[in-house]
Amino acid sequence: GRPVYGSKVGLTGDYSIPTAASVEQNQIPLNNESLPFNDVDGLFNSGVFVAPFNGSFTFKYNLYVTSLASPDTGDYNLTVGAYQEFSAGGQAWNYMEPHTCTYGLAHTLIGENITFPCSVGDTITWYVGATNVNNAVTIKETVGVNVSFVELQQYTSTGLFVDVSANFPDVTVGEWLSEILNRFNLILY
C-alpha cells in the first residue's frame, strides 16, 4: 500500500477516562486535526475514520496515560479498542488490546500495524476503558514533545488505480517544469 500523508488525529485536551469497576469502553475524542495533526485526505470525521473505498487500512496509536497514585495502589487494566460499523449493516469489535498499568506511573501505550479490511463507508471508532475504581486515569494530549494520536499508516485498495503516466501529456520534464514555473511565477535558485 501507499503511505498516507497527514492522516493523523489527536486530542484537543487531556481526556479523563470515567472511573469504573470493569473495563467500560469510552470513545476517545480524537477531534484535533490542527498541528501537529492533519487529515489531508479527509478520512476522519469528528475522530471517526470513514473508509473512502474498498481496501485494507492500517493504523497506529500512541496514548500517553497518567493516573493518581491514591487511594488505590498497584495495577489497573486499560484496554484500547476499535469498533467497526459496516456500511452493509452490522458491527464488531475488531481490535481489543489490554494493557496493564500501575497507579501513579505514566505509561506510553503503542499499537502498530493494526489492519482492518473495509468496504466503502465502513467506519472505525477508537475506544478506551480502564478498571480504575477510585483513581483518575487520564490520556494526556501532550507530554513534552510527545502527543497522543491515532494515525492511518497506509492503505491498499482493492479497486483500480489510475495510471497517471498513461494520462500525462507527451511533454518532457523540462517543458513541464517550465510551464509550472511560468504559471505560478516561481523562480528556482
C-alpha atoms as a PDB file:
ATOM      1  CA  GLY A   1       0.000   0.000   0.000  1.00  0.00           C
ATOM      2  CA  ARG A   2       0.960   3.621  -0.296  1.00  0.00           C
ATOM      3  CA  PRO A   3       1.734   5.786   2.738  1.00  0.00           C
ATOM      4  CA  VAL A   4      -0.983   8.204   3.773  1.00  0.00           C
ATOM      5  CA  TYR A   5       0.290  11.710   4.317  1.00  0.00           C
ATOM      6  CA  GLY A   6      -1.093  13.619   7.280  1.00  0.00           C
ATOM      7  CA  SER A   7      -3.972  11.332   8.253  1.00  0.00           C
ATOM      8  CA  LYS A   8      -3.340  11.682  11.967  1.00  0.00           C
ATOM      9  CA  VAL A   9      -5.778  12.904  14.627  1.00  0.00           C
ATOM     10  CA  GLY A  10      -5.304  13.676  18.306  1.00  0.00           C
ATOM     11  CA  LEU A  11      -6.903  15.093  21.421  1.00  0.00           C
ATOM     12  CA  THR A  12      -7.892  18.752  21.880  1.00  0.00           C
ATOM     13  CA  GLY A  13      -7.120  18.450  25.616  1.00  0.00           C
ATOM     14  CA  ASP A  14      -6.439  15.815  28.232  1.00  0.00           C
ATOM     15  CA  TYR A  15      -9.153  13.127  28.366  1.00  0.00           C
ATOM     16  CA  SER A  16     -10.178  11.685  31.746  1.00  0.00           C
ATOM     17  CA  ILE A  17     -11.408   8.109  31.498  1.00  0.00           C
ATOM     18  CA  PRO A  18     -14.550   7.711  33.652  1.00  0.00           C
ATOM     19  CA  THR A  19     -13.957   5.589  36.756  1.00  0.00           C
ATOM     20  CA  ALA A  20     -15.322   2.040  36.520  1.00  0.00           C
ATOM     21  CA  ALA A  21     -15.007  -1.301  38.293  1.00  0.00           C
ATOM     22  CA  SER A  22     -14.813  -3.140  34.967  1.00  0.00           C
ATOM     23  CA  VAL A  23     -13.473  -2.051  31.597  1.00  0.00           C
ATOM     24  CA  GLU A  24     -16.203   0.072  30.021  1.00  0.00           C
ATOM     25  CA  GLN A  25     -15.347   1.373  26.566  1.00  0.00           C
ATOM     26  CA  ASN A  26     -15.486   5.160  26.060  1.00  0.00           C
ATOM     27  CA  GLN A  27     -14.951   6.811  22.686  1.00  0.00           C
ATOM     28  CA  ILE A  28     -11.618   8.619  22.520  1.00  0.00           C
ATOM     29  CA  PRO A  29     -12.391  12.235  21.450  1.00  0.00           C
ATOM     30  CA  LEU A  30      -9.933  12.434  18.533  1.00  0.00           C
ATOM     31  CA  ASN A  31     -11.184  15.797  17.254  1.00  0.00           C
ATOM     32  CA  ASN A  32      -7.862  17.633  16.851  1.00  0.00           C
ATOM     33  CA  GLU A  33      -6.723  17.974  13.236  1.00  0.00           C
ATOM     34  CA  SER A  34      -4.530  21.055  13.737  1.00  0.00           C
ATOM     35  CA  LEU A  35      -0.739  20.996  14.153  1.00  0.00           C
ATOM     36  CA  PRO A  36       0.919  18.574  14.700  1.00  0.00           C
ATOM     37  CA  PHE A  37      -2.042  16.643  13.314  1.00  0.00           C
ATOM     38  CA  ASN A  38      -3.543  16.882   9.852  1.00  0.00           C
ATOM     39  CA  ASP A  39      -6.101  14.897   7.940  1.00  0.00           C
ATOM     40  CA  VAL A  40      -5.204  15.960   4.399  1.00  0.00           C
ATOM     41  CA  ASP A  41      -7.080  13.058   2.840  1.00  0.00           C
ATOM     42  CA  GLY A  42     -10.254  13.895   4.855  1.00  0.00           C
ATOM     43  CA  LEU A  43     -10.579  10.338   6.140  1.00  0.00           C
ATOM     44  CA  PHE A  44     -11.572  11.170   9.739  1.00  0.00           C
ATOM     45  CA  ASN A  45     -14.903  12.775  10.616  1.00  0.00           C
ATOM     46  CA  SER A  46     -15.044  14.006  14.244  1.00  0.00           C
ATOM     47  CA  GLY A  47     -12.407  11.416  15.143  1.00  0.00           C
ATOM     48  CA  VAL A  48     -14.181   8.552  13.358  1.00  0.00           C
ATOM     49  CA  PHE A  49     -12.416   7.006  10.359  1.00  0.00           C
ATOM     50  CA  VAL A  50     -14.617   6.584   7.273  1.00  0.00           C
ATOM     51  CA  ALA A  51     -13.326   4.230   4.538  1.00  0.00           C
ATOM     52  CA  PRO A  52     -13.326   6.132   1.206  1.00  0.00           C
ATOM     53  CA  PHE A  53     -13.162   2.929  -0.869  1.00  0.00           C
ATOM     54  CA  ASN A  54     -12.829  -0.853  -0.557  1.00  0.00           C
ATOM     55  CA  GLY A  55      -9.458  -1.852   0.825  1.00  0.00           C
ATOM     56  CA  SER A  56      -7.282  -2.650   3.826  1.00  0.00           C
ATOM     57  CA  PHE A  57      -6.398   0.185   6.204  1.00  0.00           C
ATOM     58  CA  THR A  58      -3.505   0.017   8.683  1.00  0.00           C
ATOM     59  CA  PHE A  59      -3.466   2.142  11.854  1.00  0.00           C
ATOM     60  CA  LYS A  60      -1.135   3.062  14.685  1.00  0.00           C
ATOM     61  CA  TYR A  61      -1.897   4.644  18.052  1.00  0.00           C
ATOM     62  CA  ASN A  62       0.212   6.314  20.737  1.00  0.00           C
ATOM     63  CA  LEU A  63      -1.540   7.136  24.001  1.00  0.00           C
ATOM     64  CA  TYR A  64       0.233   8.750  26.961  1.00  0.00           C
ATOM     65  CA  VAL A  65      -1.602   7.706  30.126  1.00  0.00           C
ATOM     66  CA  THR A  66      -1.228   9.002  33.689  1.00  0.00           C
ATOM     67  CA  SER A  67      -3.095   8.221  36.909  1.00  0.00           C
ATOM     68  CA  LEU A  68      -3.276   9.272  40.524  1.00  0.00           C
ATOM     69  CA  ALA A  69      -1.321   7.124  42.997  1.00  0.00           C
ATOM     70  CA  SER A  70      -4.149   7.009  45.560  1.00  0.00           C
ATOM     71  CA  PRO A  71      -6.499   5.958  47.007  1.00  0.00           C
ATOM     72  CA  ASP A  72      -5.988   2.705  45.060  1.00  0.00           C
ATOM     73  CA  THR A  73      -2.480   1.298  44.542  1.00  0.00           C
ATOM     74  CA  GLY A  74      -0.985  -1.412  42.376  1.00  0.00           C
ATOM     75  CA  ASP A  75      -2.023  -2.263  38.836  1.00  0.00           C
ATOM     76  CA  TYR A  76      -5.089  -1.492  36.780  1.00  0.00           C
ATOM     77  CA  ASN A  77      -6.158  -2.686  33.347  1.00  0.00           C
ATOM     78  CA  LEU A  78      -6.614  -0.367  30.398  1.00  0.00           C
ATOM     79  CA  THR A  79      -7.997  -1.616  27.088  1.00  0.00           C
ATOM     80  CA  VAL A  80      -7.775   0.147  23.725  1.00  0.00           C
ATOM     81  CA  GLY A  81     -10.393  -0.967  21.233  1.00  0.00           C
ATOM     82  CA  ALA A  82     -11.559  -0.259  17.703  1.00  0.00           C
ATOM     83  CA  TYR A  83     -15.208  -0.670  16.821  1.00  0.00           C
ATOM     84  CA  GLN A  84     -16.072  -1.189  13.180  1.00  0.00           C
ATOM     85  CA  GLU A  85     -19.505  -0.461  11.747  1.00  0.00           C
ATOM     86  CA  PHE A  86     -20.084  -2.000   8.339  1.00  0.00           C
ATOM     87  CA  SER A  87     -21.806   0.018   5.619  1.00  0.00           C
ATOM     88  CA  ALA A  88     -23.678  -3.169   4.616  1.00  0.00           C
ATOM     89  CA  GLY A  89     -25.016  -3.470   8.186  1.00  0.00           C
ATOM     90  CA  GLY A  90     -23.665  -4.895  11.404  1.00  0.00           C
ATOM     91  CA  GLN A  91     -20.753  -4.043  13.637  1.00  0.00           C
ATOM     92  CA  ALA A  92     -17.910  -5.700  15.526  1.00  0.00           C
ATOM     93  CA  TRP A  93     -15.115  -5.055  17.992  1.00  0.00           C
ATOM     94  CA  ASN A  94     -12.320  -5.834  15.537  1.00  0.00           C
ATOM     95  CA  TYR A  95      -9.477  -4.809  17.823  1.00  0.00           C
ATOM     96  CA  MET A  96      -9.092  -5.060  21.605  1.00  0.00           C
ATOM     97  CA  GLU A  97      -5.681  -4.676  23.217  1.00  0.00           C
ATOM     98  CA  PRO A  98      -5.364  -4.914  27.014  1.00  0.00           C
ATOM     99  CA  HIS A  99      -2.562  -3.023  28.769  1.00  0.00           C
ATOM    100  CA  THR A 100      -1.501  -3.443  32.396  1.00  0.00           C
ATOM    101  CA  CYS A 101      -0.628  -0.116  34.017  1.00  0.00           C
ATOM    102  CA  THR A 102       0.421   0.921  37.536  1.00  0.00           C
ATOM    103  CA  TYR A 103      -1.284   3.675  39.517  1.00  0.00           C
ATOM    104  CA  GLY A 104       0.899   6.749  39.946  1.00  0.00           C
ATOM    105  CA  LEU A 105       3.119   5.986  36.933  1.00  0.00           C
ATOM    106  CA  ALA A 106       2.988   7.362  33.396  1.00  0.00           C
ATOM    107  CA  HIS A 107       2.649   4.839  30.568  1.00  0.00           C
ATOM    108  CA  THR A 108       3.033   5.041  26.805  1.00  0.00           C
ATOM    109  CA  LEU A 109       0.583   2.720  25.078  1.00  0.00           C
ATOM    110  CA  ILE A 110       1.513   1.898  21.494  1.00  0.00           C
ATOM    111  CA  GLY A 111      -0.354  -0.161  18.948  1.00  0.00           C
ATOM    112  CA  GLU A 112       1.076  -0.600  15.452  1.00  0.00           C
ATOM    113  CA  ASN A 113       0.209  -2.369  12.210  1.00  0.00           C
ATOM    114  CA  ILE A 114      -3.472  -2.740  13.127  1.00  0.00           C
ATOM    115  CA  THR A 115      -5.160  -3.622   9.824  1.00  0.00           C
ATOM    116  CA  PHE A 116      -8.865  -3.623   9.038  1.00  0.00           C
ATOM    117  CA  PRO A 117     -10.420  -4.799   5.775  1.00  0.00           C
ATOM    118  CA  CYS A 118     -13.124  -2.241   4.914  1.00  0.00           C
ATOM    119  CA  SER A 119     -15.777  -1.560   2.327  1.00  0.00           C
ATOM    120  CA  VAL A 120     -16.538   1.973   1.211  1.00  0.00           C
ATOM    121  CA  GLY A 121     -18.427   3.765   4.001  1.00  0.00           C
ATOM    122  CA  ASP A 122     -17.340   1.456   6.845  1.00  0.00           C
ATOM    123  CA  THR A 123     -16.396   3.381   9.982  1.00  0.00           C
ATOM    124  CA  ILE A 124     -13.796   2.687  12.666  1.00  0.00           C
ATOM    125  CA  THR A 125     -14.145   4.364  16.062  1.00  0.00           C
ATOM    126  CA  TRP A 126     -11.414   4.169  18.725  1.00  0.00           C
ATOM    127  CA  TYR A 127     -12.326   3.479  22.354  1.00  0.00           C
ATOM    128  CA  VAL A 128     -10.561   3.183  25.703  1.00  0.00           C
ATOM    129  CA  GLY A 129     -11.621   1.756  29.050  1.00  0.00           C
ATOM    130  CA  ALA A 130      -9.945   1.110  32.390  1.00  0.00           C
ATOM    131  CA  THR A 131     -10.580  -0.695  35.678  1.00  0.00           C
ATOM    132  CA  ASN A 132      -9.981   2.482  37.649  1.00  0.00           C
ATOM    133  CA  VAL A 133     -12.497   2.160  40.507  1.00  0.00           C
ATOM    134  CA  ASN A 134     -11.392   5.217  42.528  1.00  0.00           C
ATOM    135  CA  ASN A 135      -8.376   6.794  40.811  1.00  0.00           C
ATOM    136  CA  ALA A 136      -8.490   9.275  37.947  1.00  0.00           C
ATOM    137  CA  VAL A 137      -6.846   7.922  34.781  1.00  0.00           C
ATOM    138  CA  THR A 138      -6.080  10.439  32.044  1.00  0.00           C
ATOM    139  CA  ILE A 139      -4.925  10.269  28.434  1.00  0.00           C
ATOM    140  CA  LYS A 140      -2.624  13.265  28.070  1.00  0.00           C
ATOM    141  CA  GLU A 141      -2.890  15.434  24.962  1.00  0.00           C
ATOM    142  CA  THR A 142       0.854  16.142  25.058  1.00  0.00           C
ATOM    143  CA  VAL A 143       3.773  15.017  27.205  1.00  0.00           C
ATOM    144  CA  GLY A 144       6.817  17.111  26.354  1.00  0.00           C
ATOM    145  CA  VAL A 145       7.300  16.722  22.604  1.00  0.00           C
ATOM    146  CA  ASN A 146       5.167  13.561  22.513  1.00  0.00           C
ATOM    147  CA  VAL A 147       1.468  13.591  21.643  1.00  0.00           C
ATOM    148  CA  SER A 148      -1.394  11.108  21.905  1.00  0.00           C
ATOM    149  CA  PHE A 149      -2.783  10.210  18.486  1.00  0.00           C
ATOM    150  CA  VAL A 150      -4.337   7.703  16.117  1.00  0.00           C
ATOM    151  CA  GLU A 151      -2.813   7.596  12.655  1.00  0.00           C
ATOM    152  CA  LEU A 152      -3.653   5.889   9.407  1.00  0.00           C
ATOM    153  CA  GLN A 153      -0.264   4.494   8.372  1.00  0.00           C
ATOM    154  CA  GLN A 154      -1.100   3.062   4.953  1.00  0.00           C
ATOM    155  CA  TYR A 155      -3.812   1.516   2.878  1.00  0.00           C
ATOM    156  CA  THR A 156      -4.201  -0.867  -0.004  1.00  0.00           C
ATOM    157  CA  SER A 157      -7.129  -0.510  -2.368  1.00  0.00           C
ATOM    158  CA  THR A 158      -8.968  -3.499  -3.734  1.00  0.00           C
ATOM    159  CA  GLY A 159     -10.193  -1.241  -6.553  1.00  0.00           C
ATOM    160  CA  LEU A 160      -8.416   0.006  -9.634  1.00  0.00           C
ATOM    161  CA  PHE A 161      -5.818   2.776  -9.621  1.00  0.00           C
ATOM    162  CA  VAL A 162      -5.473   5.449 -12.243  1.00  0.00           C
ATOM    163  CA  ASP A 163      -2.189   5.186 -14.125  1.00  0.00           C
ATOM    164  CA  VAL A 164      -1.114   8.835 -14.083  1.00  0.00           C
ATOM    165  CA  SER A 165       1.767   8.285 -16.513  1.00  0.00           C
ATOM    166  CA  ALA A 166      -0.644   6.888 -19.112  1.00  0.00           C
ATOM    167  CA  ASN A 167      -2.800  10.019 -18.799  1.00  0.00           C
ATOM    168  CA  PHE A 168       0.021  12.555 -18.686  1.00  0.00           C
ATOM    169  CA  PRO A 169       0.567  14.659 -21.838  1.00  0.00           C
ATOM    170  CA  ASP A 170       3.551  13.938 -24.056  1.00  0.00           C
ATOM    171  CA  VAL A 171       5.950  16.581 -22.706  1.00  0.00           C
ATOM    172  CA  THR A 172       9.481  16.475 -21.407  1.00  0.00           C
ATOM    173  CA  VAL A 173      10.273  17.070 -17.758  1.00  0.00           C
ATOM    174  CA  GLY A 174      11.928  20.370 -18.692  1.00  0.00           C
ATOM    175  CA  GLU A 175       8.833  21.564 -20.560  1.00  0.00           C
ATOM    176  CA  TRP A 176       6.596  20.549 -17.678  1.00  0.00           C
ATOM    177  CA  LEU A 177       8.777  22.325 -15.075  1.00  0.00           C
ATOM    178  CA  SER A 178       8.970  25.420 -17.264  1.00  0.00           C
ATOM    179  CA  GLU A 179       5.170  25.558 -17.530  1.00  0.00           C
ATOM    180  CA  ILE A 180       4.732  25.156 -13.768  1.00  0.00           C
ATOM    181  CA  LEU A 181       7.323  27.843 -13.019  1.00  0.00           C
ATOM    182  CA  ASN A 182       5.738  30.262 -15.511  1.00  0.00           C
ATOM    183  CA  ARG A 183       2.151  29.577 -14.427  1.00  0.00           C
ATOM    184  CA  PHE A 184       2.851  30.234 -10.755  1.00  0.00           C
ATOM    185  CA  ASN A 185       5.565  32.890 -11.308  1.00  0.00           C
ATOM    186  CA  LEU A 186       8.190  30.815  -9.495  1.00  0.00           C
ATOM    187  CA  ILE A 187      11.966  31.155  -9.611  1.00  0.00           C
ATOM    188  CA  LEU A 188      14.460  28.352  -8.941  1.00  0.00           C
ATOM    189  CA  TYR A 189      17.882  29.107  -7.490  1.00  0.00           C
END
